């Protein structure tokens, strides 16, 4: 069984985002006082590692330690110096012409898993993800102002053949939605 500091580390690592202290205490089944001790123990155990526990009044987050900044910077520069690649460009085009897309929509249109392409675009600040208004469980990816500036346009309607291609993407997505769901329970 995990110690409370180890369980806290696992939660923060798995989340990848800041977590509210109240939620963490609830997930761990401990009191706010016990959480404070757990936070201190985890912070102490992370000394001289490549990780740091970031704490605000209400949230906690696991990040790389400031001492690791140079090596992490080298990693990011290497990733960012490469060309986007065909998959990322396809993904960017679908997002641009559709006016936003979820990962499942991207996968369906492209016919392949788009996770790596999305990660590349997110890291470069070309797309951003927000909660999908139609289904709160999904993330809808849209172009950022950085992407528009990179493309030399003010908005997505200025894309070449925007209306024609947007209609094609919309039709493909409608066809996907109309497909019957296969029963895989057999």
Protein backbone atom coordinates (compact mmCIF):
# COMPACT_ATOMS: atom_id res chain seq x y z
CA UNK A 1 0.00 0.00 0.00
CA UNK A 2 1.26 3.47 -0.84
CA UNK A 3 2.23 5.97 1.79
CA UNK A 4 0.22 9.22 1.67
CA UNK A 5 3.17 11.16 0.11
CA UNK A 6 3.59 8.46 -2.55
CA UNK A 7 -0.15 8.46 -3.25
CA UNK A 8 -0.10 12.27 -3.56
CA UNK A 9 2.82 12.05 -5.99
CA UNK A 10 0.94 9.48 -8.07
CA UNK A 11 -2.20 11.66 -8.19
CA UNK A 12 -0.28 14.75 -9.25
CA UNK A 13 1.73 12.83 -11.85
CA UNK A 14 -1.37 11.20 -13.32
CA UNK A 15 -3.26 14.50 -13.40
CA UNK A 16 -0.63 16.49 -15.25
CA UNK A 17 -2.51 19.61 -14.15
CA UNK A 18 -2.94 21.42 -10.85
CA UNK A 19 -5.32 19.74 -8.43
CA UNK A 20 -7.35 21.50 -5.75
CA UNK A 21 -6.21 20.66 -2.25
CA UNK A 22 -9.78 19.88 -1.16
CA UNK A 23 -10.10 17.34 -3.96
CA UNK A 24 -6.72 15.77 -3.15
CA UNK A 25 -7.67 15.39 0.53
CA UNK A 26 -10.95 13.79 -0.52
CA UNK A 27 -9.26 11.41 -2.96
CA UNK A 28 -6.69 10.39 -0.36
CA UNK A 29 -9.30 10.17 2.39
CA UNK A 30 -7.36 12.43 4.75
CA UNK A 31 -8.03 15.63 6.70
CA UNK A 32 -6.63 19.04 5.69
CA UNK A 33 -4.15 18.77 8.58
CA UNK A 34 -2.96 15.37 7.36
CA UNK A 35 -2.74 16.78 3.84
CA UNK A 36 -0.43 19.56 5.04
CA UNK A 37 1.89 16.93 6.58
CA UNK A 38 1.69 14.84 3.41
CA UNK A 39 2.58 17.87 1.25
CA UNK A 40 5.58 18.65 3.46
CA UNK A 41 6.76 15.01 3.33
CA UNK A 42 6.43 14.86 -0.47
CA UNK A 43 8.20 18.19 -0.94
CA UNK A 44 11.03 16.95 1.28
CA UNK A 45 11.32 13.64 -0.59
CA UNK A 46 11.53 15.47 -3.94
CA UNK A 47 14.63 17.46 -2.90
CA UNK A 48 17.60 16.65 -5.13
CA UNK A 49 15.33 15.06 -7.75
CA UNK A 50 14.25 16.48 -11.07
CA UNK A 51 10.77 17.23 -9.74
CA UNK A 52 9.27 19.93 -7.53
CA UNK A 53 5.96 20.27 -5.75
CA UNK A 54 4.32 23.60 -6.57
CA UNK A 55 1.82 24.77 -3.97
CA UNK A 56 -0.59 27.70 -3.92
CA UNK A 57 -3.21 28.42 -1.28
CA UNK A 58 -5.72 26.18 -3.02
CA UNK A 59 -3.83 23.97 -5.50
CA UNK A 60 -0.93 21.55 -5.91
CA UNK A 61 1.02 20.64 -9.02
CA UNK A 62 3.99 18.41 -9.81
CA UNK A 63 6.50 20.12 -12.13
CA UNK A 64 10.10 19.77 -13.16
CA UNK A 65 12.56 21.28 -10.70
CA UNK A 66 14.04 24.69 -11.56
CA UNK A 67 17.48 23.05 -11.55
CA UNK A 68 16.36 20.87 -14.49
CA UNK A 69 15.47 23.89 -16.64
CA UNK A 70 18.55 23.68 -18.91
CA UNK A 71 18.11 20.00 -19.77
CA UNK A 72 14.34 20.36 -20.26
CA UNK A 73 14.97 23.39 -22.48
CA UNK A 74 17.26 21.26 -24.68
CA UNK A 75 14.53 18.64 -25.00
CA UNK A 76 11.90 21.21 -25.97
CA UNK A 77 14.21 22.96 -28.43
CA UNK A 78 14.99 19.65 -30.13
CA UNK A 79 11.27 18.86 -30.42
CA UNK A 80 10.39 22.35 -31.63
CA UNK A 81 13.20 22.56 -34.19
CA UNK A 82 11.82 19.68 -36.25
CA UNK A 83 9.35 20.30 -39.06
CA UNK A 84 5.73 19.73 -38.19
CA UNK A 85 5.46 16.73 -40.46
CA UNK A 86 2.64 15.52 -42.66
CA UNK A 87 0.49 14.17 -39.80
CA UNK A 88 0.64 17.38 -37.80
CA UNK A 89 -0.10 19.47 -40.89
CA UNK A 90 -3.10 17.26 -41.68
CA UNK A 91 -4.32 17.61 -38.11
CA UNK A 92 -3.84 21.37 -38.20
CA UNK A 93 -5.74 21.57 -41.49
CA UNK A 94 -8.72 19.60 -40.17
CA UNK A 95 -8.86 21.80 -37.05
CA UNK A 96 -8.56 24.96 -39.15
CA UNK A 97 -11.13 24.06 -41.77
CA UNK A 98 -13.60 22.51 -39.35
CA UNK A 99 -13.32 25.45 -36.98
CA UNK A 100 -12.30 23.06 -34.21
CA UNK A 101 -12.37 19.30 -33.72
CA UNK A 102 -12.21 16.67 -31.00
CA UNK A 103 -9.55 13.99 -31.08
CA UNK A 104 -12.05 11.32 -32.14
CA UNK A 105 -13.18 13.54 -35.03
CA UNK A 106 -9.56 14.08 -36.06
CA UNK A 107 -8.85 10.34 -35.87
CA UNK A 108 -11.89 9.56 -38.00
CA UNK A 109 -11.15 12.16 -40.69
CA UNK A 110 -7.45 11.24 -40.88
CA UNK A 111 -7.98 7.50 -40.43
CA UNK A 112 -5.17 7.24 -37.87
CA UNK A 113 -4.51 8.10 -34.22
CA UNK A 114 -3.84 11.84 -33.96
CA UNK A 115 -2.43 11.93 -30.41
CA UNK A 116 1.19 12.58 -31.40
CA UNK A 117 0.21 15.24 -33.92
CA UNK A 118 -2.00 16.98 -31.36
CA UNK A 119 0.81 16.91 -28.80
CA UNK A 120 3.18 18.54 -31.30
CA UNK A 121 0.64 21.25 -32.17
CA UNK A 122 -0.16 21.89 -28.49
CA UNK A 123 3.53 22.14 -27.57
CA UNK A 124 4.12 24.66 -30.33
CA UNK A 125 1.12 26.71 -29.26
CA UNK A 126 -0.65 26.30 -32.61
CA UNK A 127 -3.81 24.75 -31.14
CA UNK A 128 -5.51 24.89 -27.77
CA UNK A 129 -7.97 22.55 -26.14
CA UNK A 130 -11.16 23.57 -24.37
CA UNK A 131 -14.14 21.70 -23.01
CA UNK A 132 -16.48 20.73 -25.85
CA UNK A 133 -19.80 22.56 -25.50
CA UNK A 134 -21.70 19.61 -27.01
CA UNK A 135 -20.11 16.96 -24.76
CA UNK A 136 -18.38 18.16 -21.59
CA UNK A 137 -16.36 14.92 -21.41
CA UNK A 138 -14.38 15.78 -24.55
CA UNK A 139 -11.84 18.41 -25.49
CA UNK A 140 -12.35 20.49 -28.64
CA UNK A 141 -9.15 21.76 -30.25
CA UNK A 142 -9.09 25.10 -32.05
CA UNK A 143 -6.47 27.29 -33.71
CA UNK A 144 -4.64 29.80 -31.56
CA UNK A 145 -3.86 33.36 -32.56
CA UNK A 146 -0.25 32.15 -32.90
CA UNK A 147 -1.36 29.68 -35.61
CA UNK A 148 -3.30 32.37 -37.45
CA UNK A 149 -0.28 34.70 -37.31
CA UNK A 150 1.96 31.88 -38.57
CA UNK A 151 -0.39 31.34 -41.49
CA UNK A 152 -0.54 35.07 -42.17
CA UNK A 153 -4.31 35.32 -41.80
CA UNK A 154 -6.65 37.15 -39.42
CA UNK A 155 -9.22 34.37 -39.08
CA UNK A 156 -9.95 30.91 -40.47
CA UNK A 157 -12.36 32.23 -43.11
CA UNK A 158 -9.32 33.59 -44.97
CA UNK A 159 -7.97 30.07 -45.54
CA UNK A 160 -7.81 29.01 -49.22
CA UNK A 161 -11.02 27.32 -50.38
CA UNK A 162 -12.31 27.63 -46.82
CA UNK A 163 -16.03 27.30 -47.55
CA UNK A 164 -15.63 24.39 -49.96
CA UNK A 165 -13.32 22.39 -47.67
CA UNK A 166 -15.27 23.23 -44.52
CA UNK A 167 -18.38 21.84 -46.17
CA UNK A 168 -16.50 18.64 -47.12
CA UNK A 169 -15.27 18.13 -43.57
CA UNK A 170 -18.74 18.82 -42.16
CA UNK A 171 -20.28 16.28 -44.55
CA UNK A 172 -17.70 13.64 -43.59
CA UNK A 173 -18.37 14.21 -39.89
CA UNK A 174 -22.15 13.99 -40.45
CA UNK A 175 -21.68 10.68 -42.27
CA UNK A 176 -19.63 9.39 -39.34
CA UNK A 177 -22.33 10.43 -36.87
CA UNK A 178 -24.99 8.68 -38.96
CA UNK A 179 -23.09 5.36 -39.05
CA UNK A 180 -24.66 2.61 -36.96
CA UNK A 181 -22.69 1.61 -33.86
CA UNK A 182 -21.25 -1.90 -34.13
CA UNK A 183 -22.05 -4.31 -31.34
CA UNK A 184 -18.68 -5.60 -30.13
CA UNK A 185 -20.13 -7.43 -27.10
CA UNK A 186 -20.73 -10.62 -29.10
